[in-house]
Amino acid sequence: MLIGEVSRQSGVSTRMLRHYDALGLVEPTGRTSGGYREYSADDIRRLFHVESLRTLGLSLDETRRALDEPDFAPADLVGDLIKHTRQRIAAEQELLTKLERVDATAPSEWEDVLRMVTLLRALESEFAARRQQAILNQEGNASLPIDALVEAALTEDDLNVAGALQWSLARAAGQGVTNLAVGLRSQEVDVRRRAVAAIAAVHTSEATTHLRQALEDSDTTVRSRAALALGARGSVDAIPALLEMVLTGQLDVEAAEVLGILTDVSPSPDTIVDQMQTTLDSIADAPTRLRITQALAEIPGPSALGALARLTQDNDRTIAATAAAILSTHERRHRQR
């Protein structure tokens, strides 16, 4: 069979057939009287073997070795091909994800595309300063790759970059909160902590709903961040968690300040003081009792003042002196008004 017919039946170009011949990969066994290449049935069979191996990703040299060297181990080569193919697929998937994220921002100009690509590349930088700068440099009215920002927010270890990501997501008017909430269900506690911190920066009803759910988290840091954010929004649902924070010393100063704010919106503000008083009466741990005493300074109203007055007679002199100092400061401020 002449080279033209072989090309038509195999789909391999005559140029490639000549290249195979020059490499000694598929050599026609004969020549016509006119000097044209003539392929036998065995030559055609070898050609199809070559093409089959090439479809697996083998190079021309690897293909020749696979067919001609009896000690050539196919298992090792196939294993390498699997590894390289997976790497190529991963790279293609990464590219597809970037393209989808750029497309999601509906760019109208090439400048928008370039700006988005620059941000996406910066988010992958090993340098925290570059990641932070790229996030903060985004224009206020620019479309943002929300999915990429959420992914970064759930994985970012640097506190400065994390803060920039939270700021960026906060100004996105609630976009991405649903995906951030997925992080609240992660088995990794660090992911849940990053998720609740990012959600706390967003002031929407959906964000508030997810923060309420975070109050049930097994991690004290997640619960604390959710409670502080909810309390600052006037949600009395945070009161039990805030009281727990005072008792355990987990951001107790911040918790006391928020409890003071919540007494203005709580349907029964005296309940907060009553719970604190009950704890004071039932435990002997001096550091915990002192934290409760200090927290009462943030609670307005006569109930807190009465509790402090009783504490001035406490057997623990540090607690008694602290209560007295708080009352003295309160009276001095009251006289100055």
C-alpha atoms as a PDB file:
ATOM      1  CA  MET A   1       0.000   0.000   0.000  1.00  0.00           C
ATOM      2  CA  LEU A   2       1.449   3.337  -1.021  1.00  0.00           C
ATOM      3  CA  ILE A   3       1.871   6.233   1.381  1.00  0.00           C
ATOM      4  CA  GLY A   4      -1.111   8.206   0.084  1.00  0.00           C
ATOM      5  CA  GLU A   5      -3.491   5.288   0.592  1.00  0.00           C
ATOM      6  CA  VAL A   6      -2.071   4.613   4.055  1.00  0.00           C
ATOM      7  CA  SER A   7      -2.662   8.252   4.967  1.00  0.00           C
ATOM      8  CA  ARG A   8      -6.277   8.155   3.763  1.00  0.00           C
ATOM      9  CA  GLN A   9      -7.119   4.942   5.629  1.00  0.00           C
ATOM     10  CA  SER A  10      -5.236   5.680   8.864  1.00  0.00           C
ATOM     11  CA  GLY A  11      -5.874   9.411   9.178  1.00  0.00           C
ATOM     12  CA  VAL A  12      -2.138   9.999   9.660  1.00  0.00           C
ATOM     13  CA  SER A  13      -0.788  12.729   7.397  1.00  0.00           C
ATOM     14  CA  THR A  14       1.825  11.849   4.773  1.00  0.00           C
ATOM     15  CA  ARG A  15       4.122  14.365   6.440  1.00  0.00           C
ATOM     16  CA  MET A  16       3.866  12.480   9.752  1.00  0.00           C
ATOM     17  CA  LEU A  17       4.343   9.127   8.000  1.00  0.00           C
ATOM     18  CA  ARG A  18       7.577  10.399   6.500  1.00  0.00           C
ATOM     19  CA  HIS A  19       8.604  11.655   9.957  1.00  0.00           C
ATOM     20  CA  TYR A  20       7.905   8.207  11.442  1.00  0.00           C
ATOM     21  CA  ASP A  21      10.019   6.673   8.691  1.00  0.00           C
ATOM     22  CA  ALA A  22      12.916   9.052   9.336  1.00  0.00           C
ATOM     23  CA  LEU A  23      12.851   8.182  13.048  1.00  0.00           C
ATOM     24  CA  GLY A  24      12.725   4.482  12.342  1.00  0.00           C
ATOM     25  CA  LEU A  25       9.392   4.257  14.126  1.00  0.00           C
ATOM     26  CA  VAL A  26       7.306   2.961  11.205  1.00  0.00           C
ATOM     27  CA  GLU A  27       9.461   2.052   8.246  1.00  0.00           C
ATOM     28  CA  PRO A  28       7.836   0.743   5.067  1.00  0.00           C
ATOM     29  CA  THR A  29       9.259  -2.667   4.240  1.00  0.00           C
ATOM     30  CA  GLY A  30       9.431  -2.051   0.526  1.00  0.00           C
ATOM     31  CA  ARG A  31       9.767   0.390  -2.304  1.00  0.00           C
ATOM     32  CA  THR A  32       8.142   0.408  -5.690  1.00  0.00           C
ATOM     33  CA  SER A  33      10.226   0.353  -8.827  1.00  0.00           C
ATOM     34  CA  GLY A  34       9.722   4.102  -8.894  1.00  0.00           C
ATOM     35  CA  GLY A  35      11.154   4.477  -5.395  1.00  0.00           C
ATOM     36  CA  TYR A  36       7.842   5.145  -3.596  1.00  0.00           C
ATOM     37  CA  ARG A  37       7.281   3.837  -0.070  1.00  0.00           C
ATOM     38  CA  GLU A  38       5.214   0.671   0.068  1.00  0.00           C
ATOM     39  CA  TYR A  39       3.679  -0.464   3.351  1.00  0.00           C
ATOM     40  CA  SER A  40       2.937  -4.085   4.182  1.00  0.00           C
ATOM     41  CA  ALA A  41       0.148  -5.387   6.429  1.00  0.00           C
ATOM     42  CA  ASP A  42       2.663  -5.642   9.308  1.00  0.00           C
ATOM     43  CA  ASP A  43       3.711  -2.031   8.711  1.00  0.00           C
ATOM     44  CA  ILE A  44       0.091  -0.901   8.912  1.00  0.00           C
ATOM     45  CA  ARG A  45      -0.387  -2.899  12.095  1.00  0.00           C
ATOM     46  CA  ARG A  46       2.665  -1.247  13.666  1.00  0.00           C
ATOM     47  CA  LEU A  47       1.371   2.162  12.589  1.00  0.00           C
ATOM     48  CA  PHE A  48      -1.889   1.568  14.441  1.00  0.00           C
ATOM     49  CA  HIS A  49       0.066   0.412  17.511  1.00  0.00           C
ATOM     50  CA  VAL A  50       2.059   3.643  17.371  1.00  0.00           C
ATOM     51  CA  GLU A  51      -1.087   5.764  17.119  1.00  0.00           C
ATOM     52  CA  SER A  52      -2.724   3.865  19.972  1.00  0.00           C
ATOM     53  CA  LEU A  53       0.221   4.474  22.286  1.00  0.00           C
ATOM     54  CA  ARG A  54       0.406   8.119  21.221  1.00  0.00           C
ATOM     55  CA  THR A  55      -3.205   8.626  22.308  1.00  0.00           C
ATOM     56  CA  LEU A  56      -2.096   7.638  25.824  1.00  0.00           C
ATOM     57  CA  GLY A  57       0.314  10.557  25.842  1.00  0.00           C
ATOM     58  CA  LEU A  58       3.549   8.723  25.099  1.00  0.00           C
ATOM     59  CA  SER A  59       6.270  10.660  23.332  1.00  0.00           C
ATOM     60  CA  LEU A  60       7.666   9.343  20.044  1.00  0.00           C
ATOM     61  CA  ASP A  61      10.778   8.055  21.826  1.00  0.00           C
ATOM     62  CA  GLU A  62       8.694   6.330  24.505  1.00  0.00           C
ATOM     63  CA  THR A  63       6.517   4.789  21.811  1.00  0.00           C
ATOM     64  CA  ARG A  64       9.537   3.417  19.954  1.00  0.00           C
ATOM     65  CA  ARG A  65      10.969   1.977  23.168  1.00  0.00           C
ATOM     66  CA  ALA A  66       7.645   0.416  24.121  1.00  0.00           C
ATOM     67  CA  LEU A  67       7.452  -1.392  20.771  1.00  0.00           C
ATOM     68  CA  ASP A  68      11.100  -2.344  20.290  1.00  0.00           C
ATOM     69  CA  GLU A  69      12.718  -2.875  23.704  1.00  0.00           C
ATOM     70  CA  PRO A  70      11.724  -6.194  25.301  1.00  0.00           C
ATOM     71  CA  ASP A  71      12.672  -5.075  28.835  1.00  0.00           C
ATOM     72  CA  PHE A  72      10.618  -1.885  28.634  1.00  0.00           C
ATOM     73  CA  ALA A  73       8.267  -1.840  31.696  1.00  0.00           C
ATOM     74  CA  PRO A  74       4.850  -0.509  30.715  1.00  0.00           C
ATOM     75  CA  ALA A  75       3.516  -0.338  34.293  1.00  0.00           C
ATOM     76  CA  ASP A  76       6.029   2.347  35.344  1.00  0.00           C
ATOM     77  CA  LEU A  77       5.352   4.433  32.270  1.00  0.00           C
ATOM     78  CA  VAL A  78       1.589   4.166  32.613  1.00  0.00           C
ATOM     79  CA  GLY A  79       1.909   5.239  36.259  1.00  0.00           C
ATOM     80  CA  ASP A  80       3.857   8.319  35.207  1.00  0.00           C
ATOM     81  CA  LEU A  81       1.315   9.071  32.522  1.00  0.00           C
ATOM     82  CA  ILE A  82      -1.494   8.895  35.087  1.00  0.00           C
ATOM     83  CA  LYS A  83       0.364  11.311  37.383  1.00  0.00           C
ATOM     84  CA  HIS A  84       1.094  13.801  34.598  1.00  0.00           C
ATOM     85  CA  THR A  85      -2.445  13.566  33.276  1.00  0.00           C
ATOM     86  CA  ARG A  86      -3.886  14.316  36.702  1.00  0.00           C
ATOM     87  CA  GLN A  87      -1.596  17.323  37.020  1.00  0.00           C
ATOM     88  CA  ARG A  88      -2.687  18.553  33.597  1.00  0.00           C
ATOM     89  CA  ILE A  89      -6.358  18.078  34.466  1.00  0.00           C
ATOM     90  CA  ALA A  90      -5.862  19.939  37.752  1.00  0.00           C
ATOM     91  CA  ALA A  91      -4.202  22.810  35.905  1.00  0.00           C
ATOM     92  CA  GLU A  92      -7.023  22.910  33.374  1.00  0.00           C
ATOM     93  CA  GLN A  93      -9.608  22.812  36.162  1.00  0.00           C
ATOM     94  CA  GLU A  94      -7.845  25.689  37.904  1.00  0.00           C
ATOM     95  CA  LEU A  95      -7.898  27.672  34.671  1.00  0.00           C
ATOM     96  CA  LEU A  96     -11.589  26.876  34.172  1.00  0.00           C
ATOM     97  CA  THR A  97     -12.362  28.068  37.706  1.00  0.00           C
ATOM     98  CA  LYS A  98     -10.546  31.347  37.074  1.00  0.00           C
ATOM     99  CA  LEU A  99     -12.396  31.875  33.806  1.00  0.00           C
ATOM    100  CA  GLU A 100     -15.734  31.185  35.486  1.00  0.00           C
ATOM    101  CA  ARG A 101     -14.931  33.649  38.245  1.00  0.00           C
ATOM    102  CA  VAL A 102     -13.991  36.327  35.759  1.00  0.00           C
ATOM    103  CA  ASP A 103     -17.136  35.599  33.752  1.00  0.00           C
ATOM    104  CA  ALA A 104     -19.296  35.841  36.898  1.00  0.00           C
ATOM    105  CA  THR A 105     -18.318  39.499  37.254  1.00  0.00           C
ATOM    106  CA  ALA A 106     -19.759  40.203  33.777  1.00  0.00           C
ATOM    107  CA  PRO A 107     -16.776  42.229  32.516  1.00  0.00           C
ATOM    108  CA  SER A 108     -17.646  44.775  29.837  1.00  0.00           C
ATOM    109  CA  GLU A 109     -14.101  45.894  29.001  1.00  0.00           C
ATOM    110  CA  TRP A 110     -10.768  44.124  28.669  1.00  0.00           C
ATOM    111  CA  GLU A 111      -9.535  46.376  31.446  1.00  0.00           C
ATOM    112  CA  ASP A 112     -12.076  44.702  33.748  1.00  0.00           C
ATOM    113  CA  VAL A 113     -10.789  41.275  32.740  1.00  0.00           C
ATOM    114  CA  LEU A 114      -7.162  42.251  33.344  1.00  0.00           C
ATOM    115  CA  ARG A 115      -8.010  43.786  36.720  1.00  0.00           C
ATOM    116  CA  MET A 116      -9.821  40.613  37.756  1.00  0.00           C
ATOM    117  CA  VAL A 117      -7.009  38.336  36.605  1.00  0.00           C
ATOM    118  CA  THR A 118      -4.509  40.489  38.494  1.00  0.00           C
ATOM    119  CA  LEU A 119      -6.535  40.125  41.696  1.00  0.00           C
ATOM    120  CA  LEU A 120      -6.945  36.369  41.275  1.00  0.00           C
ATOM    121  CA  ARG A 121      -3.209  35.946  40.724  1.00  0.00           C
ATOM    122  CA  ALA A 122      -2.414  38.133  43.733  1.00  0.00           C
ATOM    123  CA  LEU A 123      -4.647  36.007  45.954  1.00  0.00           C
ATOM    124  CA  GLU A 124      -2.376  33.066  45.127  1.00  0.00           C
ATOM    125  CA  SER A 125       0.789  34.962  46.040  1.00  0.00           C
ATOM    126  CA  GLU A 126       3.003  33.580  48.797  1.00  0.00           C
ATOM    127  CA  PHE A 127       3.512  37.130  50.084  1.00  0.00           C
ATOM    128  CA  ALA A 128       0.840  38.313  52.522  1.00  0.00           C
ATOM    129  CA  ALA A 129       1.515  41.990  51.794  1.00  0.00           C
ATOM    130  CA  ARG A 130       0.815  41.480  48.098  1.00  0.00           C
ATOM    131  CA  ARG A 131      -2.427  39.623  48.834  1.00  0.00           C
ATOM    132  CA  GLN A 132      -3.579  42.361  51.202  1.00  0.00           C
ATOM    133  CA  GLN A 133      -2.668  45.196  48.846  1.00  0.00           C
ATOM    134  CA  ALA A 134      -4.463  43.591  45.906  1.00  0.00           C
ATOM    135  CA  ILE A 135      -7.649  43.254  47.960  1.00  0.00           C
ATOM    136  CA  LEU A 136      -7.583  46.781  49.371  1.00  0.00           C
ATOM    137  CA  ASN A 137      -6.789  48.351  45.992  1.00  0.00           C
ATOM    138  CA  GLN A 138     -10.071  47.239  44.440  1.00  0.00           C
ATOM    139  CA  GLU A 139     -12.305  50.140  43.462  1.00  0.00           C
ATOM    140  CA  GLY A 140     -15.451  50.608  45.492  1.00  0.00           C
ATOM    141  CA  ASN A 141     -17.818  50.134  42.555  1.00  0.00           C
ATOM    142  CA  ALA A 142     -15.857  47.319  40.904  1.00  0.00           C
ATOM    143  CA  SER A 143     -17.339  43.847  40.492  1.00  0.00           C
ATOM    144  CA  LEU A 144     -15.583  41.327  42.699  1.00  0.00           C
ATOM    145  CA  PRO A 145     -14.856  37.598  42.267  1.00  0.00           C
ATOM    146  CA  ILE A 146     -16.949  36.653  45.285  1.00  0.00           C
ATOM    147  CA  ASP A 147     -16.260  32.905  45.123  1.00  0.00           C
ATOM    148  CA  ALA A 148     -12.516  33.529  45.078  1.00  0.00           C
ATOM    149  CA  LEU A 149     -12.761  35.945  48.019  1.00  0.00           C
ATOM    150  CA  VAL A 150     -14.824  33.453  50.018  1.00  0.00           C
ATOM    151  CA  GLU A 151     -12.364  30.656  49.301  1.00  0.00           C
ATOM    152  CA  ALA A 152      -9.502  32.896  50.369  1.00  0.00           C
ATOM    153  CA  ALA A 153     -11.327  34.036  53.518  1.00  0.00           C
ATOM    154  CA  LEU A 154     -11.833  30.423  54.622  1.00  0.00           C
ATOM    155  CA  THR A 155      -8.160  29.525  54.145  1.00  0.00           C
ATOM    156  CA  GLU A 156      -6.241  32.724  54.981  1.00  0.00           C
ATOM    157  CA  ASP A 157      -3.901  32.482  57.982  1.00  0.00           C
ATOM    158  CA  ASP A 158      -2.502  36.021  57.980  1.00  0.00           C
ATOM    159  CA  LEU A 159      -4.655  38.245  60.198  1.00  0.00           C
ATOM    160  CA  ASN A 160      -4.084  41.397  58.137  1.00  0.00           C
ATOM    161  CA  VAL A 161      -5.058  39.686  54.891  1.00  0.00           C
ATOM    162  CA  ALA A 162      -8.022  38.047  56.601  1.00  0.00           C
ATOM    163  CA  GLY A 163      -9.194  41.468  57.771  1.00  0.00           C
ATOM    164  CA  ALA A 164      -8.911  42.839  54.244  1.00  0.00           C
ATOM    165  CA  LEU A 165     -10.931  39.912  52.901  1.00  0.00           C
ATOM    166  CA  GLN A 166     -13.614  40.435  55.536  1.00  0.00           C
ATOM    167  CA  TRP A 167     -13.788  44.128  54.641  1.00  0.00           C
ATOM    168  CA  SER A 168     -14.048  43.311  50.952  1.00  0.00           C
ATOM    169  CA  LEU A 169     -16.840  40.778  51.490  1.00  0.00           C
ATOM    170  CA  ALA A 170     -18.653  43.162  53.845  1.00  0.00           C
ATOM    171  CA  ARG A 171     -18.913  45.804  51.131  1.00  0.00           C
ATOM    172  CA  ALA A 172     -20.262  43.212  48.690  1.00  0.00           C
ATOM    173  CA  ALA A 173     -23.767  43.720  50.160  1.00  0.00           C
ATOM    174  CA  GLY A 174     -24.217  40.184  51.420  1.00  0.00           C
ATOM    175  CA  GLN A 175     -22.878  38.356  48.395  1.00  0.00           C
ATOM    176  CA  GLY A 176     -20.996  35.244  49.416  1.00  0.00           C
ATOM    177  CA  VAL A 177     -22.640  34.807  52.828  1.00  0.00           C
ATOM    178  CA  THR A 178     -24.250  31.537  51.753  1.00  0.00           C
ATOM    179  CA  ASN A 179     -20.881  30.127  50.716  1.00  0.00           C
ATOM    180  CA  LEU A 180     -19.226  31.444  53.869  1.00  0.00           C
ATOM    181  CA  ALA A 181     -21.868  29.637  55.903  1.00  0.00           C
ATOM    182  CA  VAL A 182     -20.691  26.366  54.362  1.00  0.00           C
ATOM    183  CA  GLY A 183     -17.479  26.968  56.290  1.00  0.00           C
ATOM    184  CA  LEU A 184     -19.467  26.943  59.541  1.00  0.00           C
ATOM    185  CA  ARG A 185     -20.182  23.257  58.907  1.00  0.00           C
ATOM    186  CA  SER A 186     -16.541  22.349  58.328  1.00  0.00           C
ATOM    187  CA  GLN A 187     -14.912  19.650  60.431  1.00  0.00           C
ATOM    188  CA  GLU A 188     -11.869  21.933  60.779  1.00  0.00           C
ATOM    189  CA  VAL A 189     -12.269  24.391  63.624  1.00  0.00           C
ATOM    190  CA  ASP A 190      -9.961  26.966  62.008  1.00  0.00           C
ATOM    191  CA  VAL A 191     -12.217  27.091  58.963  1.00  0.00           C
ATOM    192  CA  ARG A 192     -15.272  27.624  61.180  1.00  0.00           C
ATOM    193  CA  ARG A 193     -13.484  30.428  63.027  1.00  0.00           C
ATOM    194  CA  ARG A 194     -12.596  32.167  59.764  1.00  0.00           C
ATOM    195  CA  ALA A 195     -16.137  31.724  58.504  1.00  0.00           C
ATOM    196  CA  VAL A 196     -17.798  33.253  61.559  1.00  0.00           C
ATOM    197  CA  ALA A 197     -15.346  36.177  61.540  1.00  0.00           C
ATOM    198  CA  ALA A 198     -16.148  36.921  57.894  1.00  0.00           C
ATOM    199  CA  ILE A 199     -19.901  36.551  58.405  1.00  0.00           C
ATOM    200  CA  ALA A 200     -19.754  38.842  61.455  1.00  0.00           C
ATOM    201  CA  ALA A 201     -18.516  41.638  59.201  1.00  0.00           C
ATOM    202  CA  VAL A 202     -21.630  41.397  56.998  1.00  0.00           C
ATOM    203  CA  HIS A 203     -24.749  43.195  58.222  1.00  0.00           C
ATOM    204  CA  THR A 204     -27.626  41.408  56.532  1.00  0.00           C
ATOM    205  CA  SER A 205     -30.505  39.316  57.860  1.00  0.00           C
ATOM    206  CA  GLU A 206     -28.985  36.200  56.302  1.00  0.00           C
ATOM    207  CA  ALA A 207     -25.695  36.827  58.088  1.00  0.00           C
ATOM    208  CA  THR A 208     -27.545  37.285  61.392  1.00  0.00           C
ATOM    209  CA  THR A 209     -29.341  33.959  60.882  1.00  0.00           C
ATOM    210  CA  HIS A 210     -26.059  32.137  60.371  1.00  0.00           C
ATOM    211  CA  LEU A 211     -24.529  33.833  63.420  1.00  0.00           C
ATOM    212  CA  ARG A 212     -27.413  32.542  65.553  1.00  0.00           C
ATOM    213  CA  GLN A 213     -26.658  29.033  64.311  1.00  0.00           C
ATOM    214  CA  ALA A 214     -22.983  29.530  65.200  1.00  0.00           C
ATOM    215  CA  LEU A 215     -24.007  30.046  68.849  1.00  0.00           C
ATOM    216  CA  GLU A 216     -24.457  26.259  68.988  1.00  0.00           C
ATOM    217  CA  ASP A 217     -20.934  25.516  67.786  1.00  0.00           C
ATOM    218  CA  SER A 218     -18.766  23.246  69.933  1.00  0.00           C
ATOM    219  CA  ASP A 219     -15.840  25.680  69.757  1.00  0.00           C
ATOM    220  CA  THR A 220     -15.802  28.513  72.293  1.00  0.00           C
ATOM    221  CA  THR A 221     -14.075  30.911  69.893  1.00  0.00           C
ATOM    222  CA  VAL A 222     -16.751  30.424  67.240  1.00  0.00           C
ATOM    223  CA  ARG A 223     -19.503  30.909  69.817  1.00  0.00           C
ATOM    224  CA  SER A 224     -17.800  33.993  71.253  1.00  0.00           C
ATOM    225  CA  ARG A 225     -17.363  35.719  67.897  1.00  0.00           C
ATOM    226  CA  ALA A 226     -20.950  34.991  66.964  1.00  0.00           C
ATOM    227  CA  ALA A 227     -22.239  36.249  70.329  1.00  0.00           C
ATOM    228  CA  LEU A 228     -20.308  39.522  70.168  1.00  0.00           C
ATOM    229  CA  ALA A 229     -21.517  40.210  66.628  1.00  0.00           C
ATOM    230  CA  LEU A 230     -25.127  39.376  67.470  1.00  0.00           C
ATOM    231  CA  GLY A 231     -25.073  41.375  70.683  1.00  0.00           C
ATOM    232  CA  ALA A 232     -23.708  44.411  68.871  1.00  0.00           C
ATOM    233  CA  ARG A 233     -26.726  44.123  66.556  1.00  0.00           C
ATOM    234  CA  GLY A 234     -29.084  44.115  69.521  1.00  0.00           C
ATOM    235  CA  SER A 235     -29.956  40.417  69.442  1.00  0.00           C
ATOM    236  CA  VAL A 236     -30.883  39.153  72.903  1.00  0.00           C
ATOM    237  CA  ASP A 237     -30.244  35.607  71.657  1.00  0.00           C
ATOM    238  CA  ALA A 238     -26.591  36.291  72.415  1.00  0.00           C
ATOM    239  CA  ILE A 239     -27.101  36.910  76.143  1.00  0.00           C
ATOM    240  CA  PRO A 240     -26.498  33.314  77.370  1.00  0.00           C
ATOM    241  CA  ALA A 241     -23.292  33.019  75.353  1.00  0.00           C
ATOM    242  CA  LEU A 242     -22.105  36.451  76.516  1.00  0.00           C
ATOM    243  CA  LEU A 243     -22.689  35.493  80.154  1.00  0.00           C
ATOM    244  CA  GLU A 244     -20.729  32.302  79.543  1.00  0.00           C
ATOM    245  CA  MET A 245     -17.871  34.389  78.161  1.00  0.00           C
ATOM    246  CA  VAL A 246     -17.764  36.465  81.342  1.00  0.00           C
ATOM    247  CA  LEU A 247     -17.699  33.312  83.457  1.00  0.00           C
ATOM    248  CA  THR A 248     -14.963  31.596  81.469  1.00  0.00           C
ATOM    249  CA  GLY A 249     -12.864  34.678  80.775  1.00  0.00           C
ATOM    250  CA  GLN A 250     -13.209  34.309  76.998  1.00  0.00           C
ATOM    251  CA  LEU A 251     -13.168  37.957  75.817  1.00  0.00           C
ATOM    252  CA  ASP A 252     -14.981  38.784  79.050  1.00  0.00           C
ATOM    253  CA  VAL A 253     -14.366  42.541  78.838  1.00  0.00           C
ATOM    254  CA  GLU A 254     -15.878  42.742  75.353  1.00  0.00           C
ATOM    255  CA  ALA A 255     -18.752  40.482  76.439  1.00  0.00           C
ATOM    256  CA  ALA A 256     -19.542  42.738  79.404  1.00  0.00           C
ATOM    257  CA  GLU A 257     -19.636  45.813  77.165  1.00  0.00           C
ATOM    258  CA  VAL A 258     -22.088  44.144  74.821  1.00  0.00           C
ATOM    259  CA  LEU A 259     -24.230  42.959  77.727  1.00  0.00           C
ATOM    260  CA  GLY A 260     -24.449  46.579  78.802  1.00  0.00           C
ATOM    261  CA  ILE A 261     -25.759  47.498  75.363  1.00  0.00           C
ATOM    262  CA  LEU A 262     -28.305  44.678  75.420  1.00  0.00           C
ATOM    263  CA  THR A 263     -29.891  45.827  78.677  1.00  0.00           C
ATOM    264  CA  ASP A 264     -31.462  48.676  76.680  1.00  0.00           C
ATOM    265  CA  VAL A 265     -33.197  46.271  74.291  1.00  0.00           C
ATOM    266  CA  SER A 266     -33.779  43.235  76.496  1.00  0.00           C
ATOM    267  CA  PRO A 267     -37.440  42.701  77.469  1.00  0.00           C
ATOM    268  CA  SER A 268     -36.245  41.852  80.986  1.00  0.00           C
ATOM    269  CA  PRO A 269     -32.896  43.608  81.613  1.00  0.00           C
ATOM    270  CA  ASP A 270     -32.904  42.685  85.298  1.00  0.00           C
ATOM    271  CA  THR A 271     -32.628  39.031  84.259  1.00  0.00           C
ATOM    272  CA  ILE A 272     -29.022  39.604  83.191  1.00  0.00           C
ATOM    273  CA  VAL A 273     -28.097  40.964  86.620  1.00  0.00           C
ATOM    274  CA  ASP A 274     -30.107  38.213  88.357  1.00  0.00           C
ATOM    275  CA  GLN A 275     -28.156  35.519  86.517  1.00  0.00           C
ATOM    276  CA  MET A 276     -24.867  37.171  87.395  1.00  0.00           C
ATOM    277  CA  GLN A 277     -25.907  37.483  91.046  1.00  0.00           C
ATOM    278  CA  THR A 278     -26.963  33.832  91.165  1.00  0.00           C
ATOM    279  CA  THR A 279     -23.565  32.787  89.860  1.00  0.00           C
ATOM    280  CA  LEU A 280     -21.816  35.020  92.395  1.00  0.00           C
ATOM    281  CA  ASP A 281     -23.757  33.373  95.199  1.00  0.00           C
ATOM    282  CA  SER A 282     -23.132  29.821  93.998  1.00  0.00           C
ATOM    283  CA  ILE A 283     -19.409  29.715  93.198  1.00  0.00           C
ATOM    284  CA  ALA A 284     -16.269  30.247  95.247  1.00  0.00           C
ATOM    285  CA  ASP A 285     -13.782  30.706  92.435  1.00  0.00           C
ATOM    286  CA  ALA A 286     -12.279  34.140  93.086  1.00  0.00           C
ATOM    287  CA  PRO A 287     -11.164  35.002  89.511  1.00  0.00           C
ATOM    288  CA  THR A 288     -14.616  34.185  88.131  1.00  0.00           C
ATOM    289  CA  ARG A 289     -16.371  36.208  90.834  1.00  0.00           C
ATOM    290  CA  LEU A 290     -14.036  39.131  90.146  1.00  0.00           C
ATOM    291  CA  ARG A 291     -14.820  39.028  86.424  1.00  0.00           C
ATOM    292  CA  ILE A 292     -18.547  39.121  87.200  1.00  0.00           C
ATOM    293  CA  THR A 293     -18.009  42.070  89.534  1.00  0.00           C
ATOM    294  CA  GLN A 294     -16.097  43.952  86.855  1.00  0.00           C
ATOM    295  CA  ALA A 295     -18.749  43.087  84.271  1.00  0.00           C
ATOM    296  CA  LEU A 296     -21.458  44.628  86.465  1.00  0.00           C
ATOM    297  CA  ALA A 297     -19.737  47.970  85.897  1.00  0.00           C
ATOM    298  CA  GLU A 298     -20.944  47.850  82.284  1.00  0.00           C
ATOM    299  CA  ILE A 299     -24.568  47.141  83.171  1.00  0.00           C
ATOM    300  CA  PRO A 300     -26.710  50.269  83.616  1.00  0.00           C
ATOM    301  CA  GLY A 301     -29.645  50.475  85.954  1.00  0.00           C
ATOM    302  CA  PRO A 302     -30.464  50.096  89.645  1.00  0.00           C
ATOM    303  CA  SER A 303     -30.239  46.284  89.661  1.00  0.00           C
ATOM    304  CA  ALA A 304     -26.544  46.330  88.795  1.00  0.00           C
ATOM    305  CA  LEU A 305     -25.867  49.125  91.300  1.00  0.00           C
ATOM    306  CA  GLY A 306     -27.641  47.123  94.016  1.00  0.00           C
ATOM    307  CA  ALA A 307     -25.587  44.041  93.233  1.00  0.00           C
ATOM    308  CA  LEU A 308     -22.399  46.100  93.416  1.00  0.00           C
ATOM    309  CA  ALA A 309     -23.462  47.639  96.731  1.00  0.00           C
ATOM    310  CA  ARG A 310     -23.870  44.162  98.207  1.00  0.00           C
ATOM    311  CA  LEU A 311     -20.473  43.143  96.846  1.00  0.00           C
ATOM    312  CA  THR A 312     -18.774  45.946  98.808  1.00  0.00           C
ATOM    313  CA  GLN A 313     -19.409  43.730 101.846  1.00  0.00           C
ATOM    314  CA  ASP A 314     -17.975  40.609 100.205  1.00  0.00           C
ATOM    315  CA  ASN A 315     -15.584  38.459 102.215  1.00  0.00           C
ATOM    316  CA  ASP A 316     -13.068  38.650  99.376  1.00  0.00           C
ATOM    317  CA  ARG A 317     -11.345  41.994  99.926  1.00  0.00           C
ATOM    318  CA  THR A 318     -10.328  42.330  96.267  1.00  0.00           C
ATOM    319  CA  ILE A 319     -13.909  41.907  95.130  1.00  0.00           C
ATOM    320  CA  ALA A 320     -15.210  44.276  97.823  1.00  0.00           C
ATOM    321  CA  ALA A 321     -12.657  46.926  96.887  1.00  0.00           C
ATOM    322  CA  THR A 322     -13.397  46.530  93.162  1.00  0.00           C
ATOM    323  CA  ALA A 323     -17.142  46.937  93.743  1.00  0.00           C
ATOM    324  CA  ALA A 324     -16.550  49.993  95.893  1.00  0.00           C
ATOM    325  CA  ALA A 325     -14.300  51.571  93.272  1.00  0.00           C
ATOM    326  CA  ILE A 326     -16.897  50.977  90.554  1.00  0.00           C
ATOM    327  CA  LEU A 327     -19.638  52.576  92.667  1.00  0.00           C
ATOM    328  CA  SER A 328     -17.411  55.530  93.492  1.00  0.00           C
ATOM    329  CA  THR A 329     -16.681  56.110  89.808  1.00  0.00           C
ATOM    330  CA  HIS A 330     -20.386  55.860  89.007  1.00  0.00           C
ATOM    331  CA  GLU A 331     -21.323  58.391  91.689  1.00  0.00           C
ATOM    332  CA  ARG A 332     -18.626  60.821  90.551  1.00  0.00           C
ATOM    333  CA  ARG A 333     -19.837  60.667  86.942  1.00  0.00           C
ATOM    334  CA  HIS A 334     -23.428  61.108  88.126  1.00  0.00           C
ATOM    335  CA  ARG A 335     -22.525  64.290  90.062  1.00  0.00           C
ATOM    336  CA  GLN A 336     -20.716  65.736  87.025  1.00  0.00           C
ATOM    337  CA  ARG A 337     -23.765  65.530  84.787  1.00  0.00           C
END
